[in-house]
Amino acid sequence: MATCKRKAFVPADFDREYDAKDSPYTVDGKLHIEHVEYHGPYDDFPWDEVRDYYKKWLVGMGLDYDEMAKTGDRIRQKKLKG
């Protein structure tokens, strides 16, 4: 909720029956997100699909997924050590 307030995002409504969608507008009426494609319902979070998309996205930017993962692991370990 704090991020929503700080960024002026409209919080998503969860009614426990239908999918919640982020509002495409901020509380000020400015566009901040666009829903481009509906992927349908899932029984569980599609980790493999998200990872595959992320890999393609990184390659498109000239970056390597495995190297980025190693960098993330090093940062997390450093934070854990304090």
PDB file of N, CA and C in Angstrom:
ATOM      1  N   MET A   1       0.814  -1.187   0.000  1.00  0.00           N
ATOM      2  CA  MET A   1       0.000   0.000   0.000  1.00  0.00           C
ATOM      3  C   MET A   1       0.866   1.262   0.000  1.00  0.00           C
ATOM      4  N   ALA A   2       2.012   1.188   0.687  1.00  0.00           N
ATOM      5  CA  ALA A   2       2.889   2.361   0.754  1.00  0.00           C
ATOM      6  C   ALA A   2       3.394   2.758  -0.629  1.00  0.00           C
ATOM      7  N   THR A   3       3.733   1.749  -1.453  1.00  0.00           N
ATOM      8  CA  THR A   3       4.201   2.048  -2.807  1.00  0.00           C
ATOM      9  C   THR A   3       3.093   2.697  -3.623  1.00  0.00           C
ATOM     10  N   CYS A   4       1.873   2.207  -3.471  1.00  0.00           N
ATOM     11  CA  CYS A   4       0.739   2.803  -4.188  1.00  0.00           C
ATOM     12  C   CYS A   4       0.582   4.272  -3.816  1.00  0.00           C
ATOM     13  N   LYS A   5       0.665   4.571  -2.534  1.00  0.00           N
ATOM     14  CA  LYS A   5       0.519   5.959  -2.083  1.00  0.00           C
ATOM     15  C   LYS A   5       1.665   6.819  -2.604  1.00  0.00           C
ATOM     16  N   ARG A   6       2.896   6.292  -2.483  1.00  0.00           N
ATOM     17  CA  ARG A   6       4.074   7.060  -2.892  1.00  0.00           C
ATOM     18  C   ARG A   6       4.071   7.350  -4.390  1.00  0.00           C
ATOM     19  N   LYS A   7       3.650   6.368  -5.194  1.00  0.00           N
ATOM     20  CA  LYS A   7       3.673   6.507  -6.653  1.00  0.00           C
ATOM     21  C   LYS A   7       2.337   6.978  -7.228  1.00  0.00           C
ATOM     22  N   ALA A   8       1.342   7.183  -6.371  1.00  0.00           N
ATOM     23  CA  ALA A   8      -0.007   7.615  -6.777  1.00  0.00           C
ATOM     24  C   ALA A   8      -0.700   6.576  -7.649  1.00  0.00           C
ATOM     25  N   PHE A   9      -0.383   5.271  -7.406  1.00  0.00           N
ATOM     26  CA  PHE A   9      -1.050   4.188  -8.121  1.00  0.00           C
ATOM     27  C   PHE A   9      -2.392   3.908  -7.477  1.00  0.00           C
ATOM     28  N   VAL A  10      -3.329   3.445  -8.273  1.00  0.00           N
ATOM     29  CA  VAL A  10      -4.621   3.008  -7.752  1.00  0.00           C
ATOM     30  C   VAL A  10      -4.457   1.549  -7.332  1.00  0.00           C
ATOM     31  N   PRO A  11      -4.682   1.209  -6.056  1.00  0.00           N
ATOM     32  CA  PRO A  11      -4.515  -0.185  -5.617  1.00  0.00           C
ATOM     33  C   PRO A  11      -5.472  -1.116  -6.358  1.00  0.00           C
ATOM     34  N   ALA A  12      -5.018  -2.328  -6.635  1.00  0.00           N
ATOM     35  CA  ALA A  12      -5.866  -3.325  -7.298  1.00  0.00           C
ATOM     36  C   ALA A  12      -6.920  -3.822  -6.325  1.00  0.00           C
ATOM     37  N   ASP A  13      -8.123  -4.011  -6.828  1.00  0.00           N
ATOM     38  CA  ASP A  13      -9.214  -4.551  -6.028  1.00  0.00           C
ATOM     39  C   ASP A  13      -9.260  -6.063  -6.177  1.00  0.00           C
ATOM     40  N   PHE A  14      -9.236  -6.788  -5.057  1.00  0.00           N
ATOM     41  CA  PHE A  14      -9.371  -8.238  -5.067  1.00  0.00           C
ATOM     42  C   PHE A  14     -10.730  -8.580  -4.478  1.00  0.00           C
ATOM     43  N   ASP A  15     -11.583  -9.219  -5.277  1.00  0.00           N
ATOM     44  CA  ASP A  15     -12.907  -9.568  -4.765  1.00  0.00           C
ATOM     45  C   ASP A  15     -13.028 -11.071  -4.487  1.00  0.00           C
ATOM     46  N   ARG A  16     -11.924 -11.812  -4.589  1.00  0.00           N
ATOM     47  CA  ARG A  16     -11.845 -13.248  -4.323  1.00  0.00           C
ATOM     48  C   ARG A  16     -12.611 -14.108  -5.326  1.00  0.00           C
ATOM     49  N   GLU A  17     -13.181 -13.491  -6.345  1.00  0.00           N
ATOM     50  CA  GLU A  17     -13.910 -14.259  -7.354  1.00  0.00           C
ATOM     51  C   GLU A  17     -13.326 -14.049  -8.747  1.00  0.00           C
ATOM     52  N   TYR A  18     -12.969 -12.821  -9.081  1.00  0.00           N
ATOM     53  CA  TYR A  18     -12.457 -12.497 -10.403  1.00  0.00           C
ATOM     54  C   TYR A  18     -11.006 -12.037 -10.309  1.00  0.00           C
ATOM     55  N   ASP A  19     -10.307 -12.121 -11.428  1.00  0.00           N
ATOM     56  CA  ASP A  19      -8.918 -11.651 -11.476  1.00  0.00           C
ATOM     57  C   ASP A  19      -8.861 -10.154 -11.187  1.00  0.00           C
ATOM     58  N   ALA A  20      -7.861  -9.759 -10.436  1.00  0.00           N
ATOM     59  CA  ALA A  20      -7.659  -8.337 -10.170  1.00  0.00           C
ATOM     60  C   ALA A  20      -6.747  -7.779 -11.254  1.00  0.00           C
ATOM     61  N   LYS A  21      -7.028  -6.591 -11.694  1.00  0.00           N
ATOM     62  CA  LYS A  21      -6.178  -5.929 -12.687  1.00  0.00           C
ATOM     63  C   LYS A  21      -5.787  -4.566 -12.154  1.00  0.00           C
ATOM     64  N   ASP A  22      -4.547  -4.215 -12.424  1.00  0.00           N
ATOM     65  CA  ASP A  22      -4.091  -2.880 -12.048  1.00  0.00           C
ATOM     66  C   ASP A  22      -4.822  -1.849 -12.888  1.00  0.00           C
ATOM     67  N   SER A  23      -5.093  -0.726 -12.285  1.00  0.00           N
ATOM     68  CA  SER A  23      -5.690   0.375 -13.026  1.00  0.00           C
ATOM     69  C   SER A  23      -4.645   0.930 -13.984  1.00  0.00           C
ATOM     70  N   PRO A  24      -5.014   1.213 -15.213  1.00  0.00           N
ATOM     71  CA  PRO A  24      -4.044   1.775 -16.152  1.00  0.00           C
ATOM     72  C   PRO A  24      -3.687   3.227 -15.828  1.00  0.00           C
ATOM     73  N   TYR A  25      -4.387   3.829 -14.882  1.00  0.00           N
ATOM     74  CA  TYR A  25      -4.166   5.242 -14.563  1.00  0.00           C
ATOM     75  C   TYR A  25      -3.763   5.429 -13.106  1.00  0.00           C
ATOM     76  N   THR A  26      -3.032   6.496 -12.844  1.00  0.00           N
ATOM     77  CA  THR A  26      -2.711   6.876 -11.473  1.00  0.00           C
ATOM     78  C   THR A  26      -3.918   7.594 -10.876  1.00  0.00           C
ATOM     79  N   VAL A  27      -3.846   7.912  -9.585  1.00  0.00           N
ATOM     80  CA  VAL A  27      -4.961   8.637  -8.964  1.00  0.00           C
ATOM     81  C   VAL A  27      -5.116  10.022  -9.584  1.00  0.00           C
ATOM     82  N   ASP A  28      -4.054  10.540 -10.215  1.00  0.00           N
ATOM     83  CA  ASP A  28      -4.097  11.845 -10.896  1.00  0.00           C
ATOM     84  C   ASP A  28      -4.665  11.743 -12.316  1.00  0.00           C
ATOM     85  N   GLY A  29      -4.982  10.504 -12.754  1.00  0.00           N
ATOM     86  CA  GLY A  29      -5.523  10.320 -14.099  1.00  0.00           C
ATOM     87  C   GLY A  29      -4.480  10.155 -15.180  1.00  0.00           C
ATOM     88  N   LYS A  30      -3.196  10.011 -14.793  1.00  0.00           N
ATOM     89  CA  LYS A  30      -2.125   9.828 -15.777  1.00  0.00           C
ATOM     90  C   LYS A  30      -1.972   8.345 -16.109  1.00  0.00           C
ATOM     91  N   LEU A  31      -1.753   8.041 -17.394  1.00  0.00           N
ATOM     92  CA  LEU A  31      -1.532   6.666 -17.822  1.00  0.00           C
ATOM     93  C   LEU A  31      -0.198   6.163 -17.281  1.00  0.00           C
ATOM     94  N   HIS A  32      -0.189   4.967 -16.654  1.00  0.00           N
ATOM     95  CA  HIS A  32       1.086   4.444 -16.146  1.00  0.00           C
ATOM     96  C   HIS A  32       1.314   2.980 -16.490  1.00  0.00           C
ATOM     97  N   ILE A  33       0.305   2.271 -16.979  1.00  0.00           N
ATOM     98  CA  ILE A  33       0.482   0.870 -17.360  1.00  0.00           C
ATOM     99  C   ILE A  33      -0.497   0.547 -18.474  1.00  0.00           C
ATOM    100  N   GLU A  34      -0.080  -0.338 -19.366  1.00  0.00           N
ATOM    101  CA  GLU A  34      -0.962  -0.741 -20.452  1.00  0.00           C
ATOM    102  C   GLU A  34      -1.061  -2.260 -20.458  1.00  0.00           C
ATOM    103  N   HIS A  35      -2.273  -2.776 -20.434  1.00  0.00           N
ATOM    104  CA  HIS A  35      -2.492  -4.216 -20.525  1.00  0.00           C
ATOM    105  C   HIS A  35      -2.513  -4.580 -22.005  1.00  0.00           C
ATOM    106  N   VAL A  36      -1.445  -5.226 -22.466  1.00  0.00           N
ATOM    107  CA  VAL A  36      -1.273  -5.478 -23.891  1.00  0.00           C
ATOM    108  C   VAL A  36      -1.858  -6.822 -24.309  1.00  0.00           C
ATOM    109  N   GLU A  37      -1.695  -7.837 -23.476  1.00  0.00           N
ATOM    110  CA  GLU A  37      -2.114  -9.172 -23.875  1.00  0.00           C
ATOM    111  C   GLU A  37      -2.664  -9.933 -22.682  1.00  0.00           C
ATOM    112  N   TYR A  38      -3.769 -10.631 -22.877  1.00  0.00           N
ATOM    113  CA  TYR A  38      -4.352 -11.481 -21.848  1.00  0.00           C
ATOM    114  C   TYR A  38      -3.850 -12.899 -22.069  1.00  0.00           C
ATOM    115  N   HIS A  39      -3.280 -13.513 -21.045  1.00  0.00           N
ATOM    116  CA  HIS A  39      -2.688 -14.845 -21.177  1.00  0.00           C
ATOM    117  C   HIS A  39      -3.583 -15.959 -20.663  1.00  0.00           C
ATOM    118  N   GLY A  40      -4.752 -15.631 -20.167  1.00  0.00           N
ATOM    119  CA  GLY A  40      -5.671 -16.650 -19.683  1.00  0.00           C
ATOM    120  C   GLY A  40      -5.410 -17.023 -18.236  1.00  0.00           C
ATOM    121  N   PRO A  41      -6.252 -17.897 -17.693  1.00  0.00           N
ATOM    122  CA  PRO A  41      -6.110 -18.300 -16.292  1.00  0.00           C
ATOM    123  C   PRO A  41      -5.036 -19.376 -16.117  1.00  0.00           C
ATOM    124  N   TYR A  42      -4.472 -19.442 -14.934  1.00  0.00           N
ATOM    125  CA  TYR A  42      -3.475 -20.454 -14.588  1.00  0.00           C
ATOM    126  C   TYR A  42      -3.864 -21.080 -13.261  1.00  0.00           C
ATOM    127  N   ASP A  43      -3.566 -22.369 -13.104  1.00  0.00           N
ATOM    128  CA  ASP A  43      -3.789 -23.029 -11.820  1.00  0.00           C
ATOM    129  C   ASP A  43      -2.725 -22.632 -10.810  1.00  0.00           C
ATOM    130  N   ASP A  44      -1.541 -22.285 -11.309  1.00  0.00           N
ATOM    131  CA  ASP A  44      -0.427 -21.884 -10.462  1.00  0.00           C
ATOM    132  C   ASP A  44       0.360 -20.817 -11.220  1.00  0.00           C
ATOM    133  N   PHE A  45       1.227 -20.107 -10.514  1.00  0.00           N
ATOM    134  CA  PHE A  45       2.018 -19.066 -11.166  1.00  0.00           C
ATOM    135  C   PHE A  45       2.916 -19.694 -12.225  1.00  0.00           C
ATOM    136  N   PRO A  46       2.927 -19.169 -13.457  1.00  0.00           N
ATOM    137  CA  PRO A  46       3.685 -19.777 -14.565  1.00  0.00           C
ATOM    138  C   PRO A  46       5.167 -19.386 -14.551  1.00  0.00           C
ATOM    139  N   TRP A  47       5.901 -19.880 -13.559  1.00  0.00           N
ATOM    140  CA  TRP A  47       7.313 -19.510 -13.407  1.00  0.00           C
ATOM    141  C   TRP A  47       8.115 -19.743 -14.675  1.00  0.00           C
ATOM    142  N   ASP A  48       7.936 -20.915 -15.309  1.00  0.00           N
ATOM    143  CA  ASP A  48       8.715 -21.231 -16.518  1.00  0.00           C
ATOM    144  C   ASP A  48       8.424 -20.245 -17.642  1.00  0.00           C
ATOM    145  N   GLU A  49       7.166 -19.898 -17.814  1.00  0.00           N
ATOM    146  CA  GLU A  49       6.784 -18.955 -18.866  1.00  0.00           C
ATOM    147  C   GLU A  49       7.389 -17.565 -18.605  1.00  0.00           C
ATOM    148  N   VAL A  50       7.359 -17.140 -17.354  1.00  0.00           N
ATOM    149  CA  VAL A  50       7.922 -15.832 -17.001  1.00  0.00           C
ATOM    150  C   VAL A  50       9.433 -15.844 -17.192  1.00  0.00           C
ATOM    151  N   ARG A  51      10.102 -16.919 -16.748  1.00  0.00           N
ATOM    152  CA  ARG A  51      11.560 -17.013 -16.903  1.00  0.00           C
ATOM    153  C   ARG A  51      11.954 -17.015 -18.376  1.00  0.00           C
ATOM    154  N   ASP A  52      11.218 -17.768 -19.201  1.00  0.00           N
ATOM    155  CA  ASP A  52      11.526 -17.818 -20.637  1.00  0.00           C
ATOM    156  C   ASP A  52      11.361 -16.450 -21.286  1.00  0.00           C
ATOM    157  N   TYR A  53      10.303 -15.735 -20.907  1.00  0.00           N
ATOM    158  CA  TYR A  53      10.094 -14.383 -21.436  1.00  0.00           C
ATOM    159  C   TYR A  53      11.238 -13.464 -21.012  1.00  0.00           C
ATOM    160  N   TYR A  54      11.632 -13.564 -19.739  1.00  0.00           N
ATOM    161  CA  TYR A  54      12.710 -12.737 -19.199  1.00  0.00           C
ATOM    162  C   TYR A  54      14.023 -13.007 -19.934  1.00  0.00           C
ATOM    163  N   LYS A  55      14.290 -14.289 -20.206  1.00  0.00           N
ATOM    164  CA  LYS A  55      15.507 -14.639 -20.944  1.00  0.00           C
ATOM    165  C   LYS A  55      15.511 -13.985 -22.325  1.00  0.00           C
ATOM    166  N   LYS A  56      14.389 -14.077 -23.036  1.00  0.00           N
ATOM    167  CA  LYS A  56      14.296 -13.467 -24.375  1.00  0.00           C
ATOM    168  C   LYS A  56      14.448 -11.951 -24.295  1.00  0.00           C
ATOM    169  N   TRP A  57      13.865 -11.361 -23.273  1.00  0.00           N
ATOM    170  CA  TRP A  57      13.950  -9.909 -23.079  1.00  0.00           C
ATOM    171  C   TRP A  57      15.397  -9.484 -22.866  1.00  0.00           C
ATOM    172  N   LEU A  58      16.133 -10.247 -22.028  1.00  0.00           N
ATOM    173  CA  LEU A  58      17.539  -9.924 -21.776  1.00  0.00           C
ATOM    174  C   LEU A  58      18.377 -10.063 -23.042  1.00  0.00           C
ATOM    175  N   VAL A  59      18.157 -11.139 -23.786  1.00  0.00           N
ATOM    176  CA  VAL A  59      18.902 -11.354 -25.033  1.00  0.00           C
ATOM    177  C   VAL A  59      18.664 -10.191 -25.987  1.00  0.00           C
ATOM    178  N   GLY A  60      17.421  -9.720 -26.039  1.00  0.00           N
ATOM    179  CA  GLY A  60      17.097  -8.582 -26.897  1.00  0.00           C
ATOM    180  C   GLY A  60      17.841  -7.314 -26.503  1.00  0.00           C
ATOM    181  N   MET A  61      18.254  -7.248 -25.232  1.00  0.00           N
ATOM    182  CA  MET A  61      19.025  -6.091 -24.760  1.00  0.00           C
ATOM    183  C   MET A  61      20.523  -6.366 -24.788  1.00  0.00           C
ATOM    184  N   GLY A  62      20.905  -7.554 -25.308  1.00  0.00           N
ATOM    185  CA  GLY A  62      22.323  -7.907 -25.399  1.00  0.00           C
ATOM    186  C   GLY A  62      22.911  -8.388 -24.078  1.00  0.00           C
ATOM    187  N   LEU A  63      22.059  -8.883 -23.175  1.00  0.00           N
ATOM    188  CA  LEU A  63      22.524  -9.354 -21.869  1.00  0.00           C
ATOM    189  C   LEU A  63      22.349 -10.864 -21.763  1.00  0.00           C
ATOM    190  N   ASP A  64      23.088 -11.489 -20.854  1.00  0.00           N
ATOM    191  CA  ASP A  64      23.059 -12.929 -20.666  1.00  0.00           C
ATOM    192  C   ASP A  64      22.301 -13.275 -19.386  1.00  0.00           C
ATOM    193  N   TYR A  65      21.303 -14.155 -19.487  1.00  0.00           N
ATOM    194  CA  TYR A  65      20.470 -14.527 -18.339  1.00  0.00           C
ATOM    195  C   TYR A  65      21.307 -15.140 -17.213  1.00  0.00           C
ATOM    196  N   ASP A  66      22.175 -16.092 -17.553  1.00  0.00           N
ATOM    197  CA  ASP A  66      22.960 -16.767 -16.522  1.00  0.00           C
ATOM    198  C   ASP A  66      23.866 -15.784 -15.776  1.00  0.00           C
ATOM    199  N   GLU A  67      24.457 -14.855 -16.508  1.00  0.00           N
ATOM    200  CA  GLU A  67      25.319 -13.851 -15.866  1.00  0.00           C
ATOM    201  C   GLU A  67      24.501 -12.945 -14.952  1.00  0.00           C
ATOM    202  N   MET A  68      23.312 -12.562 -15.397  1.00  0.00           N
ATOM    203  CA  MET A  68      22.442 -11.726 -14.562  1.00  0.00           C
ATOM    204  C   MET A  68      22.025 -12.484 -13.304  1.00  0.00           C
ATOM    205  N   ALA A  69      21.727 -13.777 -13.432  1.00  0.00           N
ATOM    206  CA  ALA A  69      21.333 -14.593 -12.281  1.00  0.00           C
ATOM    207  C   ALA A  69      22.480 -14.682 -11.280  1.00  0.00           C
ATOM    208  N   LYS A  70      23.706 -14.867 -11.773  1.00  0.00           N
ATOM    209  CA  LYS A  70      24.872 -14.934 -10.883  1.00  0.00           C
ATOM    210  C   LYS A  70      25.074 -13.609 -10.161  1.00  0.00           C
ATOM    211  N   THR A  71      24.908 -12.516 -10.874  1.00  0.00           N
ATOM    212  CA  THR A  71      25.044 -11.191 -10.267  1.00  0.00           C
ATOM    213  C   THR A  71      23.996 -11.011  -9.179  1.00  0.00           C
ATOM    214  N   GLY A  72      22.753 -11.410  -9.453  1.00  0.00           N
ATOM    215  CA  GLY A  72      21.692 -11.321  -8.447  1.00  0.00           C
ATOM    216  C   GLY A  72      22.007 -12.156  -7.225  1.00  0.00           C
ATOM    217  N   ASP A  73      22.531 -13.365  -7.429  1.00  0.00           N
ATOM    218  CA  ASP A  73      22.906 -14.227  -6.305  1.00  0.00           C
ATOM    219  C   ASP A  73      24.002 -13.585  -5.462  1.00  0.00           C
ATOM    220  N   ARG A  74      25.002 -12.973  -6.124  1.00  0.00           N
ATOM    221  CA  ARG A  74      26.087 -12.323  -5.377  1.00  0.00           C
ATOM    222  C   ARG A  74      25.563 -11.160  -4.558  1.00  0.00           C
ATOM    223  N   ILE A  75      24.657 -10.393  -5.107  1.00  0.00           N
ATOM    224  CA  ILE A  75      24.074  -9.244  -4.386  1.00  0.00           C
ATOM    225  C   ILE A  75      23.282  -9.742  -3.184  1.00  0.00           C
ATOM    226  N   ARG A  76      22.464 -10.794  -3.374  1.00  0.00           N
ATOM    227  CA  ARG A  76      21.679 -11.322  -2.251  1.00  0.00           C
ATOM    228  C   ARG A  76      22.577 -11.845  -1.147  1.00  0.00           C
ATOM    229  N   GLN A  77      23.637 -12.563  -1.513  1.00  0.00           N
ATOM    230  CA  GLN A  77      24.561 -13.096  -0.514  1.00  0.00           C
ATOM    231  C   GLN A  77      25.244 -11.970   0.263  1.00  0.00           C
ATOM    232  N   LYS A  78      25.642 -10.920  -0.445  1.00  0.00           N
ATOM    233  CA  LYS A  78      26.280  -9.780   0.201  1.00  0.00           C
ATOM    234  C   LYS A  78      25.335  -9.123   1.197  1.00  0.00           C
ATOM    235  N   LYS A  79      24.056  -8.981   0.819  1.00  0.00           N
ATOM    236  CA  LYS A  79      23.070  -8.387   1.727  1.00  0.00           C
ATOM    237  C   LYS A  79      22.848  -9.257   2.954  1.00  0.00           C
ATOM    238  N   LEU A  80      22.855 -10.595   2.766  1.00  0.00           N
ATOM    239  CA  LEU A  80      22.652 -11.513   3.891  1.00  0.00           C
ATOM    240  C   LEU A  80      23.803 -11.430   4.888  1.00  0.00           C
ATOM    241  N   LYS A  81      25.006 -11.203   4.388  1.00  0.00           N
ATOM    242  CA  LYS A  81      26.182 -11.112   5.253  1.00  0.00           C
ATOM    243  C   LYS A  81      26.236  -9.789   5.997  1.00  0.00           C
ATOM    244  N   GLY A  82      25.479  -8.826   5.512  1.00  0.00           N
ATOM    245  CA  GLY A  82      25.370  -7.530   6.189  1.00  0.00           C
ATOM    246  C   GLY A  82      26.393  -6.582   5.757  1.00  0.00           C
TER     247      GLY A  82
END
